[in-house]
Each structure stands twice: as structure tokens, then as C-alpha cells.
Protein backbone atom coordinates (compact mmCIF):
# COMPACT_ATOMS: atom_id res chain seq x y z
CA MET A 1 23.23 -0.14 15.62
CA ARG A 2 23.58 2.19 18.74
CA LYS A 3 21.53 5.31 18.55
CA GLU A 4 24.54 7.65 18.30
CA LYS A 5 25.76 5.87 15.46
CA ARG A 6 22.45 5.42 13.74
CA ASN A 7 21.79 9.26 14.04
CA ASN A 8 25.20 9.88 12.50
CA ALA A 9 24.58 7.44 9.62
CA VAL A 10 21.22 9.09 8.90
CA ALA A 11 22.76 12.42 8.84
CA LEU A 12 25.38 11.44 6.31
CA TYR A 13 22.35 9.84 4.24
CA ASN A 14 20.45 13.26 4.44
CA LEU A 15 23.55 15.15 3.06
CA GLY A 16 23.54 12.71 0.21
CA CYS A 17 19.78 13.38 -0.33
CA TYR A 18 20.50 17.17 -0.15
CA TYR A 19 23.18 16.84 -2.81
CA TYR A 20 21.16 14.35 -4.99
CA ASN A 21 17.86 16.11 -5.00
CA ALA A 22 18.56 19.81 -4.23
CA ARG A 23 22.02 20.46 -5.63
CA ARG A 24 21.83 17.70 -8.36
CA ASP A 25 25.59 17.31 -7.47
CA TYR A 26 25.62 13.47 -7.98
CA LYS A 27 29.38 13.12 -7.43
CA LYS A 28 29.11 14.78 -3.87
CA ALA A 29 25.83 12.91 -3.28
CA LEU A 30 27.63 9.57 -3.98
CA LEU A 31 30.41 10.57 -1.52
CA TRP A 32 27.81 11.04 1.51
CA PHE A 33 25.58 7.93 0.21
CA ARG A 34 28.61 5.69 0.27
CA LEU A 35 29.63 6.82 3.83
CA ALA A 36 26.01 6.28 5.09
CA ALA A 37 26.10 2.93 3.17
CA GLU A 38 28.97 1.77 4.88
CA LYS A 39 27.31 2.54 8.25
CA GLY A 40 24.32 0.17 7.06
CA ILE A 41 21.89 2.75 5.72
CA THR A 42 19.95 0.52 3.13
CA LYS A 43 18.58 3.53 0.89
CA ALA A 44 22.14 4.91 0.79
CA LYS A 45 23.24 1.46 -0.59
CA TYR A 46 20.51 1.66 -3.26
CA PHE A 47 21.35 5.18 -4.26
CA SER A 48 25.03 4.47 -4.50
CA GLY A 49 24.08 1.55 -6.85
CA LEU A 50 21.70 3.93 -8.94
CA ILE A 51 24.32 6.55 -9.44
CA TYR A 52 27.00 4.09 -10.68
CA HIS A 53 24.05 2.32 -12.64
CA GLU A 54 23.10 5.59 -14.58
CA GLY A 55 26.48 7.24 -14.64
CA MET A 56 25.23 10.32 -12.83
CA GLY A 57 28.37 12.51 -12.18
CA VAL A 58 30.62 9.56 -12.37
CA GLN A 59 31.53 7.11 -14.91
CA LYS A 60 29.01 4.51 -15.39
CA ASP A 61 30.06 1.28 -13.76
CA LEU A 62 27.87 -1.77 -13.54
CA GLN A 63 30.07 -3.75 -11.38
CA LYS A 64 29.96 -1.07 -8.71
CA ALA A 65 26.28 -0.63 -9.27
CA ILE A 66 25.70 -4.34 -8.88
CA TYR A 67 27.79 -4.54 -5.70
CA TRP A 68 25.70 -1.82 -4.12
CA TYR A 69 22.47 -3.08 -5.25
CA GLU A 70 23.13 -6.49 -3.93
CA LYS A 71 23.84 -5.10 -0.48
CA ALA A 72 20.70 -3.08 -0.80
CA ALA A 73 18.74 -6.08 -1.92
CA ARG A 74 19.90 -8.13 0.94
CA ASP A 75 18.49 -5.50 3.36
CA GLY A 76 15.10 -5.96 1.52
CA ASP A 77 15.28 -2.94 -0.72
CA GLU A 78 12.43 -3.46 -3.32
CA TYR A 79 14.15 -1.10 -6.00
CA ALA A 80 17.49 -2.76 -5.60
CA GLN A 81 15.85 -6.17 -6.09
CA TYR A 82 13.99 -5.08 -8.98
CA ASN A 83 17.12 -3.71 -10.78
CA LEU A 84 19.13 -6.83 -9.88
CA GLY A 85 16.34 -8.91 -11.55
CA TYR A 86 16.65 -6.86 -14.61
CA PHE A 87 20.48 -7.36 -14.75
CA TYR A 88 20.17 -11.04 -14.36
CA TYR A 89 17.35 -11.31 -16.88
CA THR A 90 19.30 -9.42 -19.59
CA GLY A 91 22.70 -10.58 -18.75
CA GLU A 92 23.99 -6.95 -18.49
CA GLY A 93 26.75 -6.43 -16.32
CA VAL A 94 26.51 -10.20 -14.96
CA LYS A 95 26.20 -13.55 -16.42
CA LYS A 96 22.52 -14.23 -17.38
CA ASN A 97 20.77 -16.13 -14.77
CA LEU A 98 16.99 -16.57 -15.13
CA LYS A 99 16.58 -18.22 -11.72
CA LEU A 100 18.25 -15.28 -9.95
CA ALA A 101 16.20 -12.92 -12.17
CA GLU A 102 12.95 -14.61 -11.08
CA LEU A 103 13.99 -14.54 -7.41
CA ASN A 104 14.80 -10.95 -7.37
CA PHE A 105 11.92 -9.90 -9.39
CA PHE A 106 9.62 -12.00 -6.94
CA LEU A 107 11.29 -10.50 -3.72
CA SER A 108 10.57 -7.03 -5.05
CA ALA A 109 7.16 -7.90 -6.38
CA ALA A 110 6.25 -9.49 -3.05
CA GLY A 111 7.30 -6.06 -1.48
CA GLY A 112 4.49 -4.39 -3.41
CA TYR A 113 6.76 -2.70 -6.19
CA ALA A 114 4.24 -2.45 -9.16
CA ALA A 115 6.95 -2.28 -11.82
CA ALA A 116 8.47 -5.60 -10.36
CA GLN A 117 4.85 -7.30 -10.24
CA PHE A 118 4.43 -6.41 -14.00
CA SER A 119 7.93 -7.56 -14.85
CA LEU A 120 7.47 -10.84 -12.99
CA GLY A 121 4.22 -11.46 -14.96
CA LEU A 122 6.06 -10.72 -18.21
CA PHE A 123 8.91 -13.06 -17.18
CA TYR A 124 6.38 -15.97 -16.84
CA LEU A 125 4.57 -15.02 -20.01
CA ASN A 126 7.90 -15.16 -21.98
CA ASN A 127 9.15 -18.41 -20.20
CA ARG A 128 6.42 -21.10 -20.82
CA LYS A 129 8.43 -24.03 -19.96
CA ILE A 130 7.83 -23.09 -16.32
CA LYS A 131 5.03 -24.88 -14.86
CA ASN A 132 1.76 -22.94 -14.44
CA TRP A 133 3.47 -20.02 -16.26
CA ASP A 134 -0.05 -18.74 -17.41
CA ASN A 135 -1.48 -18.74 -13.92
CA CYS A 136 1.66 -17.05 -12.27
CA ALA A 137 1.57 -14.40 -15.25
CA VAL A 138 -2.03 -13.42 -14.58
CA PHE A 139 -1.49 -13.43 -10.76
CA TRP A 140 1.19 -10.85 -11.02
CA PHE A 141 -0.52 -8.67 -13.78
CA LYS A 142 -3.49 -8.39 -11.66
CA ALA A 143 -2.25 -5.97 -8.86
CA PRO A 144 -0.46 -3.33 -11.22
CA ALA A 145 -3.38 -3.51 -13.56
CA LEU A 146 -5.83 -2.72 -10.53
CA ARG A 147 -3.37 0.30 -9.92
CA ASP A 148 -4.10 1.51 -13.48
CA MET A 149 -0.74 0.50 -14.97
CA PRO A 150 -1.39 0.62 -18.87
CA CYS A 151 1.20 -2.02 -19.67
CA ALA A 152 -0.20 -4.44 -16.98
CA GLN A 153 -3.78 -3.69 -18.15
CA LYS A 154 -2.71 -4.66 -21.77
CA ALA A 155 -0.83 -7.72 -20.65
CA LEU A 156 -3.93 -8.92 -18.55
CA GLY A 157 -6.24 -8.11 -21.37
CA VAL A 158 -4.22 -10.29 -23.86
CA CYS A 159 -4.37 -13.12 -21.18
CA TYR A 160 -8.05 -12.83 -21.09
CA TYR A 161 -8.40 -12.62 -24.92
CA ASN A 162 -6.29 -15.90 -25.35
CA GLY A 163 -7.51 -17.64 -22.13
CA TRP A 164 -4.04 -17.73 -20.64
CA GLY A 165 -4.41 -18.61 -16.91
CA VAL A 166 -8.12 -17.49 -16.85
CA LYS A 167 -11.32 -18.46 -18.53
CA GLN A 168 -11.26 -16.83 -22.03
CA ASN A 169 -13.20 -13.66 -21.71
CA ARG A 170 -12.89 -11.34 -24.94
CA LYS A 171 -15.29 -8.71 -23.48
CA LYS A 172 -13.00 -8.41 -20.58
CA ALA A 173 -10.07 -8.37 -22.66
CA VAL A 174 -11.39 -5.60 -24.75
CA LYS A 175 -12.30 -3.56 -21.71
CA LEU A 176 -8.66 -3.98 -20.20
CA LEU A 177 -7.10 -3.25 -23.63
CA LYS A 178 -9.36 0.05 -23.96
CA LYS A 179 -8.18 1.19 -20.27
CA ALA A 180 -4.52 0.57 -21.42
CA ALA A 181 -5.18 2.48 -24.60
CA GLU A 182 -6.65 5.37 -22.59
CA GLY A 183 -3.72 5.35 -20.37
CA GLY A 184 -1.49 5.94 -23.41
CA ASP A 185 -0.23 2.39 -24.25
CA GLU A 186 0.29 2.64 -28.01
CA GLU A 187 0.55 -1.30 -28.35
CA ALA A 188 -2.82 -1.66 -26.73
CA LYS A 189 -4.33 0.73 -29.45
CA LYS A 190 -3.03 -1.39 -32.22
CA LEU A 191 -4.27 -4.37 -30.63
CA LEU A 192 -7.63 -3.07 -30.30
CA ALA A 193 -7.54 -2.20 -33.89
CA GLU A 194 -6.64 -5.74 -34.96
CA ILE A 195 -9.28 -7.35 -32.92
CA THR A 196 -12.35 -8.52 -34.66
CA PRO A 197 -15.39 -6.60 -33.44
CA LEU A 198 -17.13 -8.48 -30.91
CA LYS A 199 -20.62 -9.81 -32.01
CA LYS A 200 -23.63 -10.24 -29.76
CA GLY A 201 -23.27 -13.12 -27.46
CA ASP A 202 -19.43 -13.23 -27.65
CA LYS A 203 -17.60 -14.01 -24.47
């Protein structure tokens, strides 16, 4: 993209951001985002999809949302990849496709998006016919757990409690569940209440 055209596209995107963030006029924001998207601005493609996805200022339209998410995802936008993963996993707006869900979650997770890392771990936990599902689940739960995401800490704790993908370690499981509970995860609180109190020497 030539410098002049790039600058013009960025200006269009910035106008979209102004209407989106400052004015909260999503209909006008979409107008500028789409113009910027057509000139190749990745984030403009993502926000065009998001506005249609959420129905902000316009009628909700999942087909248009997916259209723009796919364009942004091809450019490497991890948020668009994550949302596409969700659509393909649930079958909302598209035909359910677990392979495409896994691929898009993976691309987003590999880009460092914590929500995608957790979702990919959950994907493997819920699809146990996949080879090494337990190892894969633990691998993807670890990064967001270290970043203090309560739901990931809970999921990793459950893996340690049951010995899924790791050597069983109930002390570590309880520690992770406590962290998740302290972070506000209600299910972690319930799991802690259900776990038999650890005895001395328990692992």
C-alpha cells in the first residue's frame, strides 16, 4: 500500500474510532470502519464485524459479521479469529465445524489472546476423542492461569485434581481452585466445598 493511500486509510479508521469510542455513534462508526476496511485496515475489518455481531446501532447480522471477521482473521487479527472459532464451535451463523473452530481458536491462542487460550483448552477438554486431548488442554490452560484468569485457574486445578494431562497433584489442584475462587469464580468455590479435605501426606 502506497504511503498516501495508507495515511488516508488510517484517517478513515481513526474517524471510525472517534465515533465508536467518543461519540458512541455506532452507525457512523461502521460507515468509516467499512471505508477503512475496504482500503485494507485490519482493525477496521474487525470492528465492522463486531458492530454487525453485536447489533450496535444497526440490525444484528451474523452473516455480515462473519464476512468481516473472516477478512480480519486472514490478516491475523486474533480477536476476529477467536470470534470465528466461537461461531464454528457453536454453529451460530454458520454450519458447525469443529475443525475450523479448533483452527481459529489455535491461531488466536498462538497470537497470545488469553480468552482463546482458555477456550482452546476447554475445546480439548470437551472433545476427548482427540489424541492427547488431556495434554493439549493443560498446555493451553497454563498461560491464562499464570495471567490470573480465574476460569483457567479453575480448569487447570480440575486437571491436576483428576490427573488429566499432568501427574495427579491434589494439593496443587486445591491451590489453583482457591486462586480461582479468590478471583470470583463461583464454580471454583463450589468445587472447593465438594472436595474431601486433604489429609496429611495427600498429593
